[in-house]
Amino acid sequence: MNINLAISKSGHDKDNIYVIIKEEADMYYLADGKYKLLEKPKKKNKKHIQIIKKLPKEVTEVFTGKDNFRNEEIKRAIKLYCKLGGR
C-alpha cells in the first residue's frame, strides 16, 4: 500500500498534516485520525495541499503489511513524522 502524507496549504486548517485516504479527479479525501476520521474524511481540492514526497522509513513502516489501517495508526504516523523533523 502506498501511503502519502499531505500538508494543507489553505483554509482554516492551513499547515495541518493529513494522510491521503482516497483520490478523485480533482479532490483528495484526507484523515488525521483525531478530528477528521477515516469514517468521515476531509474533502480538499488538490491545488490546496502539498504532498510530502520523501517520508522517513519509520513512518511508512507504521502501515506495512496492512490493507486497511485505523485512526490510531494515522495519528501515530503523523506524530512520528513531526518528531523526526517534519513540521
N, C-alpha and C. Protein backbone atom coordinates (compact mmCIF):
# COMPACT_ATOMS: atom_id res chain seq x y z
N MET A 1 0.85 -1.19 0.00
CA MET A 1 0.00 0.00 0.00
C MET A 1 0.89 1.24 0.00
N ASN A 2 0.55 2.18 -0.84
CA ASN A 2 1.31 3.42 -0.94
C ASN A 2 0.70 4.46 -0.01
N ILE A 3 1.46 4.91 0.96
CA ILE A 3 0.99 5.88 1.93
C ILE A 3 1.55 7.25 1.58
N ASN A 4 0.67 8.24 1.54
CA ASN A 4 1.09 9.60 1.28
C ASN A 4 0.59 10.51 2.39
N LEU A 5 1.48 11.38 2.86
CA LEU A 5 1.10 12.43 3.76
C LEU A 5 1.00 13.71 2.97
N ALA A 6 0.16 14.64 3.42
CA ALA A 6 -0.01 15.91 2.74
C ALA A 6 -0.17 17.02 3.76
N ILE A 7 0.25 18.22 3.36
CA ILE A 7 0.12 19.41 4.20
C ILE A 7 -0.90 20.33 3.56
N SER A 8 -1.84 20.79 4.35
CA SER A 8 -2.84 21.73 3.87
C SER A 8 -2.18 23.09 3.65
N LYS A 9 -2.42 23.68 2.49
CA LYS A 9 -1.80 24.97 2.17
C LYS A 9 -2.78 26.13 2.20
N SER A 10 -4.05 25.87 2.42
CA SER A 10 -5.02 26.96 2.51
C SER A 10 -6.22 26.53 3.34
N GLY A 11 -6.96 27.51 3.77
CA GLY A 11 -8.15 27.24 4.58
C GLY A 11 -7.86 27.36 6.06
N HIS A 12 -8.87 27.09 6.85
CA HIS A 12 -8.72 27.21 8.31
C HIS A 12 -7.80 26.14 8.88
N ASP A 13 -7.53 25.09 8.12
CA ASP A 13 -6.64 24.01 8.57
C ASP A 13 -5.24 24.14 7.98
N LYS A 14 -4.85 25.32 7.57
CA LYS A 14 -3.55 25.55 6.95
C LYS A 14 -2.43 24.99 7.83
N ASP A 15 -1.47 24.31 7.20
CA ASP A 15 -0.29 23.70 7.83
C ASP A 15 -0.59 22.43 8.63
N ASN A 16 -1.81 21.93 8.60
CA ASN A 16 -2.10 20.65 9.22
C ASN A 16 -1.63 19.52 8.32
N ILE A 17 -1.24 18.40 8.94
CA ILE A 17 -0.76 17.24 8.19
C ILE A 17 -1.85 16.18 8.20
N TYR A 18 -2.06 15.57 7.04
CA TYR A 18 -3.08 14.54 6.86
C TYR A 18 -2.50 13.35 6.11
N VAL A 19 -3.19 12.23 6.20
CA VAL A 19 -2.91 11.07 5.36
C VAL A 19 -3.95 11.06 4.25
N ILE A 20 -3.50 10.84 3.02
CA ILE A 20 -4.43 10.79 1.88
C ILE A 20 -5.09 9.42 1.88
N ILE A 21 -6.41 9.42 1.97
CA ILE A 21 -7.20 8.20 2.03
C ILE A 21 -7.66 7.77 0.65
N LYS A 22 -8.13 8.74 -0.13
CA LYS A 22 -8.71 8.43 -1.43
C LYS A 22 -8.46 9.61 -2.36
N GLU A 23 -8.35 9.30 -3.66
CA GLU A 23 -8.12 10.34 -4.65
C GLU A 23 -9.20 10.27 -5.73
N GLU A 24 -9.74 11.42 -6.08
CA GLU A 24 -10.67 11.53 -7.18
C GLU A 24 -10.09 12.49 -8.21
N ALA A 25 -10.86 12.87 -9.20
CA ALA A 25 -10.37 13.69 -10.30
C ALA A 25 -9.64 14.94 -9.82
N ASP A 26 -10.29 15.77 -9.04
CA ASP A 26 -9.64 17.00 -8.58
C ASP A 26 -9.72 17.17 -7.06
N MET A 27 -10.04 16.09 -6.36
CA MET A 27 -10.18 16.14 -4.91
C MET A 27 -9.41 15.02 -4.23
N TYR A 28 -8.99 15.30 -3.01
CA TYR A 28 -8.41 14.28 -2.14
C TYR A 28 -9.30 14.15 -0.91
N TYR A 29 -9.35 12.96 -0.36
CA TYR A 29 -10.01 12.72 0.92
C TYR A 29 -8.92 12.47 1.95
N LEU A 30 -8.92 13.28 3.01
CA LEU A 30 -7.83 13.29 3.98
C LEU A 30 -8.33 12.94 5.37
N ALA A 31 -7.46 12.30 6.15
CA ALA A 31 -7.78 11.99 7.54
C ALA A 31 -6.56 12.27 8.40
N ASP A 32 -6.81 12.71 9.64
CA ASP A 32 -5.72 12.91 10.59
C ASP A 32 -5.83 11.99 11.80
N GLY A 33 -6.89 11.20 11.86
CA GLY A 33 -7.05 10.24 12.94
C GLY A 33 -7.60 10.82 14.23
N LYS A 34 -7.69 12.14 14.32
CA LYS A 34 -8.16 12.78 15.55
C LYS A 34 -9.44 13.58 15.29
N TYR A 35 -9.36 14.57 14.44
CA TYR A 35 -10.52 15.39 14.14
C TYR A 35 -11.23 14.94 12.87
N LYS A 36 -10.45 14.54 11.89
CA LYS A 36 -11.00 14.01 10.65
C LYS A 36 -10.68 12.52 10.61
N LEU A 37 -11.69 11.72 10.85
CA LEU A 37 -11.52 10.28 10.98
C LEU A 37 -11.69 9.59 9.63
N LEU A 38 -11.28 8.33 9.59
CA LEU A 38 -11.44 7.53 8.36
C LEU A 38 -12.90 7.44 7.94
N GLU A 39 -13.79 7.40 8.90
CA GLU A 39 -15.21 7.25 8.62
C GLU A 39 -15.80 8.50 7.97
N LYS A 40 -15.21 9.66 8.24
CA LYS A 40 -15.70 10.92 7.69
C LYS A 40 -14.50 11.80 7.34
N PRO A 41 -13.82 11.49 6.23
CA PRO A 41 -12.60 12.23 5.88
C PRO A 41 -12.90 13.64 5.37
N LYS A 42 -11.88 14.47 5.40
CA LYS A 42 -11.98 15.84 4.89
C LYS A 42 -11.81 15.81 3.38
N LYS A 43 -12.66 16.50 2.68
CA LYS A 43 -12.59 16.59 1.23
C LYS A 43 -11.88 17.91 0.89
N LYS A 44 -10.77 17.82 0.14
CA LYS A 44 -9.98 19.02 -0.13
C LYS A 44 -9.52 19.02 -1.58
N ASN A 45 -9.55 20.18 -2.21
CA ASN A 45 -9.13 20.35 -3.58
C ASN A 45 -7.63 20.06 -3.71
N LYS A 46 -7.24 19.42 -4.79
CA LYS A 46 -5.84 19.04 -4.99
C LYS A 46 -4.90 20.23 -4.98
N LYS A 47 -5.34 21.37 -5.48
CA LYS A 47 -4.44 22.52 -5.54
C LYS A 47 -4.25 23.20 -4.18
N HIS A 48 -4.98 22.75 -3.16
CA HIS A 48 -4.86 23.35 -1.84
C HIS A 48 -4.02 22.52 -0.86
N ILE A 49 -3.37 21.47 -1.36
CA ILE A 49 -2.50 20.67 -0.49
C ILE A 49 -1.15 20.45 -1.18
N GLN A 50 -0.17 20.12 -0.37
CA GLN A 50 1.16 19.76 -0.87
C GLN A 50 1.48 18.36 -0.36
N ILE A 51 1.75 17.46 -1.28
CA ILE A 51 2.09 16.09 -0.91
C ILE A 51 3.53 16.04 -0.43
N ILE A 52 3.76 15.33 0.65
CA ILE A 52 5.11 15.14 1.19
C ILE A 52 5.74 13.97 0.44
N LYS A 53 6.74 14.25 -0.37
CA LYS A 53 7.32 13.25 -1.26
C LYS A 53 8.24 12.26 -0.53
N LYS A 54 9.11 12.76 0.33
CA LYS A 54 10.09 11.89 1.00
C LYS A 54 9.69 11.65 2.44
N LEU A 55 9.19 10.46 2.68
CA LEU A 55 8.81 10.08 4.04
C LEU A 55 9.91 9.23 4.66
N PRO A 56 10.20 9.45 5.93
CA PRO A 56 11.16 8.57 6.61
C PRO A 56 10.66 7.13 6.63
N LYS A 57 11.58 6.20 6.64
CA LYS A 57 11.26 4.78 6.63
C LYS A 57 10.38 4.40 7.83
N GLU A 58 10.65 5.02 8.98
CA GLU A 58 9.89 4.72 10.20
C GLU A 58 8.40 5.04 10.04
N VAL A 59 8.09 6.09 9.30
CA VAL A 59 6.70 6.48 9.09
C VAL A 59 5.99 5.48 8.20
N THR A 60 6.62 5.06 7.12
CA THR A 60 5.98 4.11 6.22
C THR A 60 5.83 2.73 6.86
N GLU A 61 6.71 2.40 7.81
CA GLU A 61 6.63 1.10 8.49
C GLU A 61 5.40 0.98 9.39
N VAL A 62 4.82 2.09 9.77
CA VAL A 62 3.61 2.06 10.62
C VAL A 62 2.49 1.33 9.88
N PHE A 63 2.47 1.43 8.55
CA PHE A 63 1.39 0.86 7.75
C PHE A 63 1.76 -0.41 7.00
N THR A 64 2.96 -0.92 7.13
CA THR A 64 3.39 -2.05 6.31
C THR A 64 2.58 -3.31 6.58
N GLY A 65 2.29 -4.02 5.51
CA GLY A 65 1.63 -5.31 5.60
C GLY A 65 0.15 -5.25 5.90
N LYS A 66 -0.45 -4.08 5.79
CA LYS A 66 -1.87 -3.96 6.12
C LYS A 66 -2.62 -3.38 4.92
N ASP A 67 -3.77 -3.96 4.62
CA ASP A 67 -4.60 -3.42 3.56
C ASP A 67 -5.47 -2.29 4.09
N ASN A 68 -5.98 -2.44 5.29
CA ASN A 68 -6.79 -1.41 5.92
C ASN A 68 -6.05 -0.91 7.16
N PHE A 69 -6.12 0.37 7.41
CA PHE A 69 -5.49 0.90 8.61
C PHE A 69 -6.51 1.66 9.43
N ARG A 70 -6.13 1.97 10.66
CA ARG A 70 -7.05 2.55 11.64
C ARG A 70 -6.65 3.99 11.96
N ASN A 71 -7.54 4.68 12.64
CA ASN A 71 -7.28 6.06 13.04
C ASN A 71 -6.06 6.17 13.95
N GLU A 72 -5.85 5.17 14.81
CA GLU A 72 -4.71 5.19 15.72
C GLU A 72 -3.39 5.15 14.95
N GLU A 73 -3.35 4.37 13.87
CA GLU A 73 -2.14 4.28 13.07
C GLU A 73 -1.86 5.58 12.32
N ILE A 74 -2.93 6.24 11.88
CA ILE A 74 -2.77 7.53 11.21
C ILE A 74 -2.19 8.55 12.18
N LYS A 75 -2.75 8.60 13.39
CA LYS A 75 -2.22 9.53 14.41
C LYS A 75 -0.76 9.23 14.71
N ARG A 76 -0.42 7.95 14.84
CA ARG A 76 0.95 7.56 15.14
C ARG A 76 1.91 7.97 14.02
N ALA A 77 1.50 7.79 12.77
CA ALA A 77 2.36 8.13 11.64
C ALA A 77 2.60 9.64 11.56
N ILE A 78 1.55 10.43 11.77
CA ILE A 78 1.69 11.89 11.73
C ILE A 78 2.57 12.38 12.87
N LYS A 79 2.35 11.83 14.06
CA LYS A 79 3.16 12.23 15.22
C LYS A 79 4.62 11.84 15.02
N LEU A 80 4.87 10.68 14.47
CA LEU A 80 6.22 10.22 14.21
C LEU A 80 6.90 11.09 13.16
N TYR A 81 6.17 11.48 12.12
CA TYR A 81 6.72 12.35 11.09
C TYR A 81 7.14 13.69 11.69
N CYS A 82 6.31 14.26 12.54
CA CYS A 82 6.64 15.54 13.18
C CYS A 82 7.85 15.39 14.09
N LYS A 83 7.93 14.29 14.82
CA LYS A 83 9.04 14.06 15.74
C LYS A 83 10.37 13.88 15.01
N LEU A 84 10.33 13.30 13.82
CA LEU A 84 11.55 13.05 13.05
C LEU A 84 12.00 14.23 12.22
N GLY A 85 11.42 15.37 12.45
CA GLY A 85 11.89 16.56 11.76
C GLY A 85 10.95 17.11 10.72
N GLY A 86 9.76 16.56 10.66
CA GLY A 86 8.75 17.12 9.75
C GLY A 86 8.35 18.48 10.26
N ARG A 87 7.12 18.76 10.31
CA ARG A 87 6.65 20.09 10.76
C ARG A 87 6.54 20.16 12.24
